[in-house]
Amino acid sequence: MNHRNRSDTDTTLLKDHLTGFEAQYSITADAGYGSGENYEFLEEKNIEAFVKFNLFHPEQTDKFKAQINKVENLFYNAQQNCLYYRMGQKMTPIGTFIKKTDNSFQQTITQYQAQNCVGCPLRGLVINKQVIEKLRSL
């Protein structure tokens, strides 16, 4: 993509850049354009795309990988629709809700919660409001 219009939210610009180019080209874009909304748009328009997600580079670092309270570092079992912490603690879905982005794009968010943290040696590292009710977009 030759046209570059930098803003704080490049994720909002991709659709405008591609108007009229549907299914004619494949595109490559940096992580600034990585969003669920853009991935869905590209798939709907059958556009072959190589767009990194916004946390691609941070997720490659040892520092990020060591943070056990990051949802990206949990194991997701698609067959059982559950998440697992490193110690094997299972988190099951407790509900879903719709979240709207600034562009009015609607995301379905599934909320997961651990069943029992008593006695877990990692409890002190992961217990906080963000982890007790961990959100994961699926």
C-alpha atoms as a PDB file:
ATOM      1  CA  MET A   1       0.000   0.000   0.000  1.00  0.00           C
ATOM      2  CA  ASN A   2       1.676   3.189  -1.143  1.00  0.00           C
ATOM      3  CA  HIS A   3      -0.772   5.646   0.354  1.00  0.00           C
ATOM      4  CA  ARG A   4       0.063   6.371   4.002  1.00  0.00           C
ATOM      5  CA  ASN A   5      -2.067   8.573   6.191  1.00  0.00           C
ATOM      6  CA  ARG A   6      -0.733   8.308   9.769  1.00  0.00           C
ATOM      7  CA  SER A   7      -3.086   8.849  12.650  1.00  0.00           C
ATOM      8  CA  ASP A   8      -3.359   7.594  16.194  1.00  0.00           C
ATOM      9  CA  THR A   9      -5.877   5.065  14.953  1.00  0.00           C
ATOM     10  CA  ASP A  10      -4.747   3.591  11.645  1.00  0.00           C
ATOM     11  CA  THR A  11      -7.222   0.798  12.274  1.00  0.00           C
ATOM     12  CA  THR A  12      -9.978   3.201  11.209  1.00  0.00           C
ATOM     13  CA  LEU A  13      -8.369   4.006   7.836  1.00  0.00           C
ATOM     14  CA  LEU A  14      -7.939   0.665   6.103  1.00  0.00           C
ATOM     15  CA  LYS A  15     -11.459   0.401   4.671  1.00  0.00           C
ATOM     16  CA  ASP A  16     -11.208   3.862   3.101  1.00  0.00           C
ATOM     17  CA  HIS A  17      -7.829   3.030   1.554  1.00  0.00           C
ATOM     18  CA  LEU A  18      -9.217  -0.112  -0.062  1.00  0.00           C
ATOM     19  CA  THR A  19     -12.465   1.236  -1.486  1.00  0.00           C
ATOM     20  CA  GLY A  20     -12.648   0.104  -5.110  1.00  0.00           C
ATOM     21  CA  PHE A  21      -9.813  -2.431  -4.783  1.00  0.00           C
ATOM     22  CA  GLU A  22     -11.829  -5.370  -3.494  1.00  0.00           C
ATOM     23  CA  ALA A  23     -10.535  -8.738  -4.737  1.00  0.00           C
ATOM     24  CA  GLN A  24      -8.144  -7.068  -7.196  1.00  0.00           C
ATOM     25  CA  TYR A  25      -5.018  -7.067  -5.063  1.00  0.00           C
ATOM     26  CA  SER A  26      -3.372  -8.621  -2.083  1.00  0.00           C
ATOM     27  CA  ILE A  27      -2.244  -6.153   0.552  1.00  0.00           C
ATOM     28  CA  THR A  28       0.426  -5.923   3.198  1.00  0.00           C
ATOM     29  CA  ALA A  29       0.030  -3.511   6.099  1.00  0.00           C
ATOM     30  CA  ASP A  30       1.752  -2.932   9.417  1.00  0.00           C
ATOM     31  CA  ALA A  31       0.331  -3.701  12.838  1.00  0.00           C
ATOM     32  CA  GLY A  32      -1.251  -0.253  13.063  1.00  0.00           C
ATOM     33  CA  TYR A  33      -3.972  -1.572  10.761  1.00  0.00           C
ATOM     34  CA  GLY A  34      -4.476  -4.806  12.681  1.00  0.00           C
ATOM     35  CA  SER A  35      -7.959  -5.043  14.173  1.00  0.00           C
ATOM     36  CA  GLY A  36     -10.838  -7.478  14.260  1.00  0.00           C
ATOM     37  CA  GLU A  37     -12.894  -5.038  12.243  1.00  0.00           C
ATOM     38  CA  ASN A  38     -10.289  -4.847   9.484  1.00  0.00           C
ATOM     39  CA  TYR A  39      -9.707  -8.617   9.416  1.00  0.00           C
ATOM     40  CA  GLU A  40     -13.462  -9.203   9.072  1.00  0.00           C
ATOM     41  CA  PHE A  41     -13.709  -6.571   6.301  1.00  0.00           C
ATOM     42  CA  LEU A  42     -10.814  -8.142   4.372  1.00  0.00           C
ATOM     43  CA  GLU A  43     -12.322 -11.605   4.671  1.00  0.00           C
ATOM     44  CA  GLU A  44     -15.784 -10.404   3.569  1.00  0.00           C
ATOM     45  CA  LYS A  45     -14.259  -8.686   0.505  1.00  0.00           C
ATOM     46  CA  ASN A  46     -12.121 -11.747  -0.283  1.00  0.00           C
ATOM     47  CA  ILE A  47      -8.951  -9.645  -0.175  1.00  0.00           C
ATOM     48  CA  GLU A  48      -5.749 -11.572   0.423  1.00  0.00           C
ATOM     49  CA  ALA A  49      -4.006  -9.703   3.203  1.00  0.00           C
ATOM     50  CA  PHE A  50      -0.891  -9.840   5.311  1.00  0.00           C
ATOM     51  CA  VAL A  51      -1.635  -7.603   8.282  1.00  0.00           C
ATOM     52  CA  LYS A  52       0.033  -8.119  11.641  1.00  0.00           C
ATOM     53  CA  PHE A  53      -2.166  -7.876  14.709  1.00  0.00           C
ATOM     54  CA  ASN A  54      -1.440  -4.949  17.014  1.00  0.00           C
ATOM     55  CA  LEU A  55       0.391  -6.968  19.693  1.00  0.00           C
ATOM     56  CA  PHE A  56       2.534  -8.980  17.286  1.00  0.00           C
ATOM     57  CA  HIS A  57       5.884  -7.418  18.210  1.00  0.00           C
ATOM     58  CA  PRO A  58       5.325  -7.121  21.984  1.00  0.00           C
ATOM     59  CA  GLU A  59       4.206 -10.772  22.124  1.00  0.00           C
ATOM     60  CA  GLN A  60       7.587 -11.850  20.734  1.00  0.00           C
ATOM     61  CA  THR A  61       9.512 -10.559  23.758  1.00  0.00           C
ATOM     62  CA  ASP A  62      10.499 -12.690  26.746  1.00  0.00           C
ATOM     63  CA  LYS A  63       9.180  -9.963  29.060  1.00  0.00           C
ATOM     64  CA  PHE A  64       5.676 -10.222  27.558  1.00  0.00           C
ATOM     65  CA  LYS A  65       5.731 -14.036  27.533  1.00  0.00           C
ATOM     66  CA  ALA A  66       6.629 -14.071  31.240  1.00  0.00           C
ATOM     67  CA  GLN A  67       3.501 -12.112  32.229  1.00  0.00           C
ATOM     68  CA  ILE A  68       1.163 -14.910  33.283  1.00  0.00           C
ATOM     69  CA  ASN A  69      -1.785 -12.559  33.737  1.00  0.00           C
ATOM     70  CA  LYS A  70      -1.924 -11.666  30.018  1.00  0.00           C
ATOM     71  CA  VAL A  71      -4.786 -13.399  28.220  1.00  0.00           C
ATOM     72  CA  GLU A  72      -2.477 -13.844  25.220  1.00  0.00           C
ATOM     73  CA  ASN A  73      -0.309 -16.139  27.370  1.00  0.00           C
ATOM     74  CA  LEU A  74      -3.163 -18.460  28.301  1.00  0.00           C
ATOM     75  CA  PHE A  75      -3.857 -21.672  26.391  1.00  0.00           C
ATOM     76  CA  TYR A  76      -7.210 -21.714  24.592  1.00  0.00           C
ATOM     77  CA  ASN A  77      -8.918 -25.066  24.008  1.00  0.00           C
ATOM     78  CA  ALA A  78     -11.350 -24.473  21.134  1.00  0.00           C
ATOM     79  CA  GLN A  79     -13.084 -27.862  21.472  1.00  0.00           C
ATOM     80  CA  GLN A  80     -13.984 -27.205  25.120  1.00  0.00           C
ATOM     81  CA  ASN A  81     -14.195 -23.388  24.799  1.00  0.00           C
ATOM     82  CA  CYS A  82     -12.024 -22.827  27.847  1.00  0.00           C
ATOM     83  CA  LEU A  83      -8.752 -21.152  28.815  1.00  0.00           C
ATOM     84  CA  TYR A  84      -5.947 -22.626  30.928  1.00  0.00           C
ATOM     85  CA  TYR A  85      -3.328 -20.939  33.103  1.00  0.00           C
ATOM     86  CA  ARG A  86       0.185 -22.401  33.154  1.00  0.00           C
ATOM     87  CA  MET A  87      -0.567 -24.373  36.319  1.00  0.00           C
ATOM     88  CA  GLY A  88      -3.495 -26.059  34.587  1.00  0.00           C
ATOM     89  CA  GLN A  89      -6.260 -23.954  36.174  1.00  0.00           C
ATOM     90  CA  LYS A  90      -9.262 -24.078  33.864  1.00  0.00           C
ATOM     91  CA  MET A  91     -11.264 -20.945  33.090  1.00  0.00           C
ATOM     92  CA  THR A  92     -14.758 -21.477  31.703  1.00  0.00           C
ATOM     93  CA  PRO A  93     -17.159 -19.031  30.025  1.00  0.00           C
ATOM     94  CA  ILE A  94     -19.476 -17.175  32.381  1.00  0.00           C
ATOM     95  CA  GLY A  95     -21.166 -14.910  29.844  1.00  0.00           C
ATOM     96  CA  THR A  96     -20.913 -12.815  26.709  1.00  0.00           C
ATOM     97  CA  PHE A  97     -21.569  -9.207  25.863  1.00  0.00           C
ATOM     98  CA  ILE A  98     -21.343  -6.885  22.868  1.00  0.00           C
ATOM     99  CA  LYS A  99     -18.662  -4.198  22.830  1.00  0.00           C
ATOM    100  CA  LYS A 100     -18.747  -1.351  20.303  1.00  0.00           C
ATOM    101  CA  THR A 101     -15.543   0.188  18.976  1.00  0.00           C
ATOM    102  CA  ASP A 102     -15.170   3.897  18.239  1.00  0.00           C
ATOM    103  CA  ASN A 103     -16.222   3.034  14.653  1.00  0.00           C
ATOM    104  CA  SER A 104     -19.410   1.344  15.938  1.00  0.00           C
ATOM    105  CA  PHE A 105     -18.012  -2.080  15.002  1.00  0.00           C
ATOM    106  CA  GLN A 106     -19.600  -4.671  17.271  1.00  0.00           C
ATOM    107  CA  GLN A 107     -17.460  -7.343  18.900  1.00  0.00           C
ATOM    108  CA  THR A 108     -18.830 -10.292  20.829  1.00  0.00           C
ATOM    109  CA  ILE A 109     -16.736 -10.692  23.984  1.00  0.00           C
ATOM    110  CA  THR A 110     -16.760 -13.905  25.993  1.00  0.00           C
ATOM    111  CA  GLN A 111     -15.996 -13.551  29.682  1.00  0.00           C
ATOM    112  CA  TYR A 112     -14.067 -16.362  31.418  1.00  0.00           C
ATOM    113  CA  GLN A 113     -13.498 -17.081  35.078  1.00  0.00           C
ATOM    114  CA  ALA A 114     -11.326 -19.561  36.964  1.00  0.00           C
ATOM    115  CA  GLN A 115     -13.234 -22.115  38.992  1.00  0.00           C
ATOM    116  CA  ASN A 116     -11.010 -22.313  42.059  1.00  0.00           C
ATOM    117  CA  CYS A 117      -7.816 -20.393  42.833  1.00  0.00           C
ATOM    118  CA  VAL A 118      -7.445 -21.642  46.413  1.00  0.00           C
ATOM    119  CA  GLY A 119      -4.046 -23.268  46.922  1.00  0.00           C
ATOM    120  CA  CYS A 120      -2.645 -22.246  43.545  1.00  0.00           C
ATOM    121  CA  PRO A 121       1.001 -21.097  43.902  1.00  0.00           C
ATOM    122  CA  LEU A 122       0.425 -18.440  41.225  1.00  0.00           C
ATOM    123  CA  ARG A 123      -2.590 -16.941  42.976  1.00  0.00           C
ATOM    124  CA  GLY A 124      -0.696 -13.938  44.349  1.00  0.00           C
ATOM    125  CA  LEU A 125       0.683 -13.129  40.905  1.00  0.00           C
ATOM    126  CA  VAL A 126      -2.578 -13.259  39.000  1.00  0.00           C
ATOM    127  CA  ILE A 127      -5.333 -12.238  41.382  1.00  0.00           C
ATOM    128  CA  ASN A 128      -6.608  -8.841  40.415  1.00  0.00           C
ATOM    129  CA  LYS A 129      -9.843  -7.584  38.936  1.00  0.00           C
ATOM    130  CA  GLN A 130      -8.541  -7.851  35.375  1.00  0.00           C
ATOM    131  CA  VAL A 131      -7.660 -11.515  35.752  1.00  0.00           C
ATOM    132  CA  ILE A 132     -10.513 -12.767  37.903  1.00  0.00           C
ATOM    133  CA  GLU A 133     -12.907 -11.814  35.131  1.00  0.00           C
ATOM    134  CA  LYS A 134     -10.657 -12.163  32.095  1.00  0.00           C
ATOM    135  CA  LEU A 135     -12.069 -11.062  28.769  1.00  0.00           C
ATOM    136  CA  ARG A 136     -11.240 -12.774  25.514  1.00  0.00           C
ATOM    137  CA  SER A 137     -12.579 -11.984  22.084  1.00  0.00           C
ATOM    138  CA  LEU A 138     -13.252 -15.173  20.183  1.00  0.00           C
END
